[in-house]
């Protein structure tokens, strides 16, 4: 999915996979294509996990918190005192760092943030990166991991490049939090980036907010996104809203998803 970020953009989305084929193969109903209805009604088609984050917040009895996911991009969901939801993509996540490490043939990722820990941040490149107009846009807003250009960072050493990108991730998260109506009491982290200790140290430094690994609440940090779409499937079957004006920019809360009913094709 590539977010709709321009009024001139074509309002369409393409989802990988064939829901009907899966339903026929599994002999089970399959809910798929969650984003199209949101886009039809004026939304950007993402993010869709916030309503699940609200359910998690209620389950762990927490409010005025932020769920931070760091993956291909970094994104936040704010759950307020009155269950208000605000969601937005902050900026790049740890995926560009993974790409950078692979470029240097030093593995698949910056394990534990070890390379970044040894490097020196190039603040000129950080400041130049943050001049991107995306960071000044109001929420809700979403992006794709390919929206940013890291060519200048590829001129740095492995360690300095990882350190500089880790700082960019943290600064973009901090800037996104400044858009919220109030400073959250804590940040709950999920996604692969939470395992990069240098990124997490930088996030704590830049935001000055208590950051907790979501596992501390008995939740599975690597499974939140997958769980969210299972949750969305149930809401879709019940015709409940999946997205909201403050999460995707949709005109009003809308449901979504298409249910493919299985045909008994395997026995014919």
Foldseek 3Di string as FASTA:
>chain_A
DFFDDDPPDDLDDDDPDDQQVVCQVVVHKGWDDFQNVLSVQPFRSDDQLQVVVLVVCVVLVHALEWEWEAEQFIKIWHQHPVRDIAIATQGGGQCVQQVLCVVVVNDRGCQLQVLQVPADADVVVLVVQVVPCVLVDADDYYGGSPPGDDVVLSVDDSSHSSNNVLLSRQQSVQSNQVNDPDRGQEYEYAYPRVSNNSSVVSNCVSNVHHYDHNCVSVDHRDCSVVVSVVVLVVCLVVFHFRDACNTGNRPGGGRGIDIHRHDNVVVD
